[in-house]
Amino acid sequence: MAEADQNKINIRLHIYDTDIMVRVPRDEEPLYRKDAELINELLNAYFSNFKGMKGDKEITYFAMIDLGLRLQKELKRNDTKPYDDILTKLTSEIEAVLKEK
């Protein structure tokens, strides 16, 4: 058995009305469980608001869009590329000035 497989465990996650078996890295188990909790919170909120007005599939998609939007906002918030670009430009300018002296 490969070493990577030895560090994985099987866990059961309850997502809304379904139990799902997932093989995950042992050190990431808490993250998977926390994700399942968040998914359940979103699904419960959307189902409580839209059940009877929308189909189950559409309600699930609303929750997925909500989760995706949260991820995109977090990724944007943690995007350091603009700062890296500015630092690279400033470093180049400083080095150019220092070479002139």
N, C-alpha and C. Protein backbone atom coordinates (compact mmCIF):
# COMPACT_ATOMS: atom_id res chain seq x y z
N MET A 1 0.85 -1.19 0.00
CA MET A 1 0.00 0.00 0.00
C MET A 1 0.89 1.24 0.00
N ALA A 2 0.57 2.20 -0.82
CA ALA A 2 1.34 3.44 -0.90
C ALA A 2 1.23 4.22 0.41
N GLU A 3 2.29 4.96 0.70
CA GLU A 3 2.30 5.73 1.94
C GLU A 3 1.16 6.74 2.00
N ALA A 4 0.83 7.34 0.85
CA ALA A 4 -0.27 8.32 0.81
C ALA A 4 -1.58 7.68 1.23
N ASP A 5 -1.81 6.42 0.81
CA ASP A 5 -3.04 5.72 1.19
C ASP A 5 -3.07 5.41 2.67
N GLN A 6 -1.92 5.19 3.28
CA GLN A 6 -1.87 4.87 4.70
C GLN A 6 -2.27 6.07 5.55
N ASN A 7 -2.14 7.25 5.02
CA ASN A 7 -2.50 8.46 5.76
C ASN A 7 -3.94 8.88 5.51
N LYS A 8 -4.71 8.03 4.84
CA LYS A 8 -6.11 8.35 4.57
C LYS A 8 -7.02 7.45 5.41
N ILE A 9 -8.17 8.02 5.74
CA ILE A 9 -9.16 7.27 6.51
C ILE A 9 -10.52 7.42 5.83
N ASN A 10 -11.39 6.47 6.11
CA ASN A 10 -12.76 6.54 5.62
C ASN A 10 -13.61 7.19 6.69
N ILE A 11 -14.38 8.18 6.28
CA ILE A 11 -15.30 8.83 7.21
C ILE A 11 -16.68 8.90 6.56
N ARG A 12 -17.68 9.00 7.40
CA ARG A 12 -19.05 9.14 6.93
C ARG A 12 -19.50 10.56 7.24
N LEU A 13 -19.96 11.24 6.20
CA LEU A 13 -20.48 12.59 6.36
C LEU A 13 -21.97 12.57 6.09
N HIS A 14 -22.72 13.24 6.93
CA HIS A 14 -24.16 13.35 6.73
C HIS A 14 -24.41 14.71 6.07
N ILE A 15 -24.85 14.67 4.82
CA ILE A 15 -25.15 15.89 4.08
C ILE A 15 -26.65 15.93 3.81
N TYR A 16 -27.31 16.85 4.47
CA TYR A 16 -28.76 17.05 4.41
C TYR A 16 -29.52 15.78 4.74
N ASP A 17 -29.85 14.97 3.75
CA ASP A 17 -30.60 13.75 4.04
C ASP A 17 -29.88 12.50 3.55
N THR A 18 -28.56 12.62 3.34
CA THR A 18 -27.79 11.52 2.78
C THR A 18 -26.48 11.33 3.55
N ASP A 19 -26.15 10.07 3.82
CA ASP A 19 -24.84 9.75 4.39
C ASP A 19 -23.90 9.42 3.24
N ILE A 20 -22.71 10.01 3.28
CA ILE A 20 -21.73 9.83 2.23
C ILE A 20 -20.44 9.32 2.84
N MET A 21 -19.89 8.26 2.27
CA MET A 21 -18.59 7.75 2.69
C MET A 21 -17.52 8.43 1.84
N VAL A 22 -16.50 8.96 2.52
CA VAL A 22 -15.43 9.67 1.83
C VAL A 22 -14.10 9.21 2.40
N ARG A 23 -13.12 9.02 1.52
CA ARG A 23 -11.76 8.69 1.94
C ARG A 23 -10.96 9.99 1.92
N VAL A 24 -10.45 10.38 3.08
CA VAL A 24 -9.80 11.68 3.22
C VAL A 24 -8.45 11.55 3.91
N PRO A 25 -7.56 12.50 3.68
CA PRO A 25 -6.32 12.52 4.45
C PRO A 25 -6.64 12.68 5.94
N ARG A 26 -5.98 11.89 6.75
CA ARG A 26 -6.25 11.88 8.20
C ARG A 26 -6.19 13.27 8.80
N ASP A 27 -5.20 14.07 8.41
CA ASP A 27 -5.05 15.40 9.01
C ASP A 27 -6.08 16.41 8.52
N GLU A 28 -6.84 16.06 7.47
CA GLU A 28 -7.88 16.96 6.97
C GLU A 28 -9.28 16.57 7.41
N GLU A 29 -9.40 15.51 8.20
CA GLU A 29 -10.73 15.06 8.64
C GLU A 29 -11.55 16.17 9.29
N PRO A 30 -10.95 16.95 10.22
CA PRO A 30 -11.76 18.03 10.83
C PRO A 30 -12.27 19.04 9.81
N LEU A 31 -11.49 19.30 8.77
CA LEU A 31 -11.93 20.24 7.74
C LEU A 31 -13.13 19.69 6.97
N TYR A 32 -13.10 18.41 6.65
CA TYR A 32 -14.23 17.79 5.95
C TYR A 32 -15.48 17.83 6.82
N ARG A 33 -15.32 17.56 8.09
CA ARG A 33 -16.49 17.57 8.99
C ARG A 33 -17.05 18.99 9.14
N LYS A 34 -16.16 19.96 9.22
CA LYS A 34 -16.60 21.35 9.33
C LYS A 34 -17.30 21.78 8.03
N ASP A 35 -16.76 21.34 6.88
CA ASP A 35 -17.41 21.64 5.60
C ASP A 35 -18.81 21.04 5.55
N ALA A 36 -18.95 19.81 6.03
CA ALA A 36 -20.26 19.16 6.03
C ALA A 36 -21.25 19.96 6.88
N GLU A 37 -20.79 20.48 8.00
CA GLU A 37 -21.65 21.30 8.86
C GLU A 37 -22.11 22.57 8.11
N LEU A 38 -21.17 23.23 7.43
CA LEU A 38 -21.51 24.44 6.69
C LEU A 38 -22.50 24.13 5.58
N ILE A 39 -22.24 23.05 4.84
CA ILE A 39 -23.15 22.66 3.76
C ILE A 39 -24.54 22.40 4.32
N ASN A 40 -24.62 21.69 5.45
CA ASN A 40 -25.92 21.40 6.06
C ASN A 40 -26.62 22.68 6.51
N GLU A 41 -25.87 23.61 7.08
CA GLU A 41 -26.47 24.88 7.50
C GLU A 41 -27.08 25.61 6.30
N LEU A 42 -26.32 25.67 5.21
CA LEU A 42 -26.82 26.35 4.02
C LEU A 42 -28.03 25.65 3.44
N LEU A 43 -27.94 24.32 3.30
CA LEU A 43 -29.07 23.58 2.75
C LEU A 43 -30.31 23.73 3.62
N ASN A 44 -30.14 23.63 4.93
CA ASN A 44 -31.29 23.78 5.84
C ASN A 44 -31.90 25.17 5.70
N ALA A 45 -31.06 26.20 5.59
CA ALA A 45 -31.58 27.57 5.45
C ALA A 45 -32.34 27.72 4.14
N TYR A 46 -31.78 27.24 3.06
CA TYR A 46 -32.45 27.39 1.76
C TYR A 46 -33.71 26.54 1.67
N PHE A 47 -33.65 25.31 2.20
CA PHE A 47 -34.84 24.47 2.16
C PHE A 47 -35.95 25.04 3.03
N SER A 48 -35.59 25.62 4.17
CA SER A 48 -36.64 26.18 5.03
C SER A 48 -37.27 27.41 4.38
N ASN A 49 -36.52 28.13 3.57
CA ASN A 49 -37.06 29.33 2.91
C ASN A 49 -37.80 29.04 1.61
N PHE A 50 -37.39 28.00 0.88
CA PHE A 50 -37.92 27.80 -0.47
C PHE A 50 -38.66 26.49 -0.71
N LYS A 51 -38.71 25.60 0.28
CA LYS A 51 -39.39 24.32 0.09
C LYS A 51 -40.84 24.56 -0.27
N GLY A 52 -41.29 23.90 -1.32
CA GLY A 52 -42.66 24.09 -1.79
C GLY A 52 -42.76 25.14 -2.88
N MET A 53 -41.81 26.07 -2.92
CA MET A 53 -41.82 27.10 -3.97
C MET A 53 -40.85 26.74 -5.10
N LYS A 54 -39.81 26.01 -4.76
CA LYS A 54 -38.77 25.61 -5.73
C LYS A 54 -38.54 24.12 -5.57
N GLY A 55 -37.98 23.50 -6.60
CA GLY A 55 -37.65 22.09 -6.54
C GLY A 55 -36.39 21.85 -5.71
N ASP A 56 -36.24 20.63 -5.21
CA ASP A 56 -35.08 20.30 -4.38
C ASP A 56 -33.77 20.56 -5.09
N LYS A 57 -33.71 20.21 -6.36
CA LYS A 57 -32.48 20.41 -7.14
C LYS A 57 -32.13 21.89 -7.23
N GLU A 58 -33.12 22.72 -7.50
CA GLU A 58 -32.88 24.15 -7.62
C GLU A 58 -32.45 24.75 -6.28
N ILE A 59 -33.07 24.30 -5.20
CA ILE A 59 -32.70 24.78 -3.86
C ILE A 59 -31.25 24.39 -3.56
N THR A 60 -30.87 23.18 -3.93
CA THR A 60 -29.49 22.73 -3.73
C THR A 60 -28.52 23.61 -4.52
N TYR A 61 -28.92 23.97 -5.74
CA TYR A 61 -28.07 24.85 -6.55
C TYR A 61 -27.92 26.22 -5.90
N PHE A 62 -28.99 26.75 -5.30
CA PHE A 62 -28.89 28.02 -4.59
C PHE A 62 -27.84 27.93 -3.49
N ALA A 63 -27.88 26.85 -2.73
CA ALA A 63 -26.90 26.67 -1.65
C ALA A 63 -25.49 26.56 -2.21
N MET A 64 -25.34 25.87 -3.34
CA MET A 64 -24.02 25.74 -3.96
C MET A 64 -23.50 27.09 -4.44
N ILE A 65 -24.39 27.90 -5.01
CA ILE A 65 -23.99 29.24 -5.46
C ILE A 65 -23.56 30.08 -4.26
N ASP A 66 -24.31 30.00 -3.18
CA ASP A 66 -23.98 30.73 -1.96
C ASP A 66 -22.58 30.33 -1.47
N LEU A 67 -22.33 29.03 -1.41
CA LEU A 67 -21.04 28.52 -0.95
C LEU A 67 -19.92 28.95 -1.90
N GLY A 68 -20.16 28.87 -3.20
CA GLY A 68 -19.17 29.31 -4.18
C GLY A 68 -18.86 30.78 -4.06
N LEU A 69 -19.89 31.59 -3.84
CA LEU A 69 -19.70 33.03 -3.68
C LEU A 69 -18.85 33.33 -2.45
N ARG A 70 -19.12 32.62 -1.37
CA ARG A 70 -18.30 32.80 -0.16
C ARG A 70 -16.84 32.47 -0.44
N LEU A 71 -16.60 31.40 -1.17
CA LEU A 71 -15.24 31.00 -1.52
C LEU A 71 -14.58 32.06 -2.38
N GLN A 72 -15.28 32.55 -3.40
CA GLN A 72 -14.71 33.56 -4.29
C GLN A 72 -14.36 34.84 -3.52
N LYS A 73 -15.22 35.25 -2.61
CA LYS A 73 -14.93 36.44 -1.80
C LYS A 73 -13.69 36.22 -0.94
N GLU A 74 -13.56 35.05 -0.38
CA GLU A 74 -12.40 34.73 0.46
C GLU A 74 -11.12 34.69 -0.38
N LEU A 75 -11.21 34.09 -1.56
CA LEU A 75 -10.04 34.04 -2.44
C LEU A 75 -9.62 35.44 -2.87
N LYS A 76 -10.60 36.28 -3.16
CA LYS A 76 -10.31 37.65 -3.56
C LYS A 76 -9.68 38.43 -2.41
N ARG A 77 -10.19 38.19 -1.21
CA ARG A 77 -9.68 38.88 -0.03
C ARG A 77 -8.24 38.49 0.24
N ASN A 78 -7.88 37.26 -0.06
CA ASN A 78 -6.53 36.77 0.21
C ASN A 78 -5.60 36.84 -0.99
N ASP A 79 -6.04 37.51 -2.07
CA ASP A 79 -5.22 37.61 -3.27
C ASP A 79 -4.08 38.59 -3.02
N THR A 80 -2.85 38.09 -3.05
CA THR A 80 -1.69 38.94 -2.81
C THR A 80 -0.99 39.36 -4.09
N LYS A 81 -1.47 38.90 -5.25
CA LYS A 81 -0.80 39.22 -6.51
C LYS A 81 -0.65 40.72 -6.74
N PRO A 82 -1.68 41.54 -6.52
CA PRO A 82 -1.47 42.98 -6.73
C PRO A 82 -0.33 43.54 -5.87
N TYR A 83 -0.22 43.06 -4.65
CA TYR A 83 0.85 43.54 -3.77
C TYR A 83 2.20 43.02 -4.24
N ASP A 84 2.24 41.78 -4.69
CA ASP A 84 3.47 41.22 -5.22
C ASP A 84 3.95 42.00 -6.43
N ASP A 85 3.00 42.37 -7.31
CA ASP A 85 3.35 43.13 -8.50
C ASP A 85 3.92 44.50 -8.13
N ILE A 86 3.30 45.17 -7.17
CA ILE A 86 3.78 46.48 -6.73
C ILE A 86 5.16 46.36 -6.11
N LEU A 87 5.35 45.35 -5.27
CA LEU A 87 6.67 45.16 -4.64
C LEU A 87 7.74 44.85 -5.68
N THR A 88 7.42 44.07 -6.68
CA THR A 88 8.38 43.76 -7.74
C THR A 88 8.76 45.03 -8.50
N LYS A 89 7.77 45.84 -8.81
CA LYS A 89 8.03 47.09 -9.53
C LYS A 89 8.88 48.03 -8.68
N LEU A 90 8.52 48.19 -7.40
CA LEU A 90 9.30 49.06 -6.52
C LEU A 90 10.72 48.56 -6.34
N THR A 91 10.88 47.26 -6.22
CA THR A 91 12.22 46.69 -6.07
C THR A 91 13.05 46.99 -7.30
N SER A 92 12.45 46.84 -8.47
CA SER A 92 13.17 47.14 -9.72
C SER A 92 13.59 48.61 -9.77
N GLU A 93 12.68 49.48 -9.38
CA GLU A 93 12.99 50.90 -9.40
C GLU A 93 14.10 51.24 -8.41
N ILE A 94 14.05 50.64 -7.24
CA ILE A 94 15.10 50.89 -6.22
C ILE A 94 16.44 50.38 -6.72
N GLU A 95 16.44 49.18 -7.30
CA GLU A 95 17.69 48.62 -7.81
C GLU A 95 18.25 49.48 -8.94
N ALA A 96 17.37 50.01 -9.79
CA ALA A 96 17.83 50.87 -10.88
C ALA A 96 18.49 52.14 -10.34
N VAL A 97 17.87 52.74 -9.32
CA VAL A 97 18.43 53.96 -8.71
C VAL A 97 19.76 53.65 -8.04
N LEU A 98 19.86 52.53 -7.36
CA LEU A 98 21.09 52.17 -6.67
C LEU A 98 22.22 51.89 -7.67
N LYS A 99 21.91 51.36 -8.82
CA LYS A 99 22.93 51.09 -9.84
C LYS A 99 23.48 52.40 -10.42
N GLU A 100 22.64 53.43 -10.45
CA GLU A 100 23.09 54.71 -10.98
C GLU A 100 24.11 55.36 -10.06
N LYS A 101 24.07 55.05 -8.79
CA LYS A 101 24.97 55.72 -7.83
C LYS A 101 26.26 55.03 -7.75
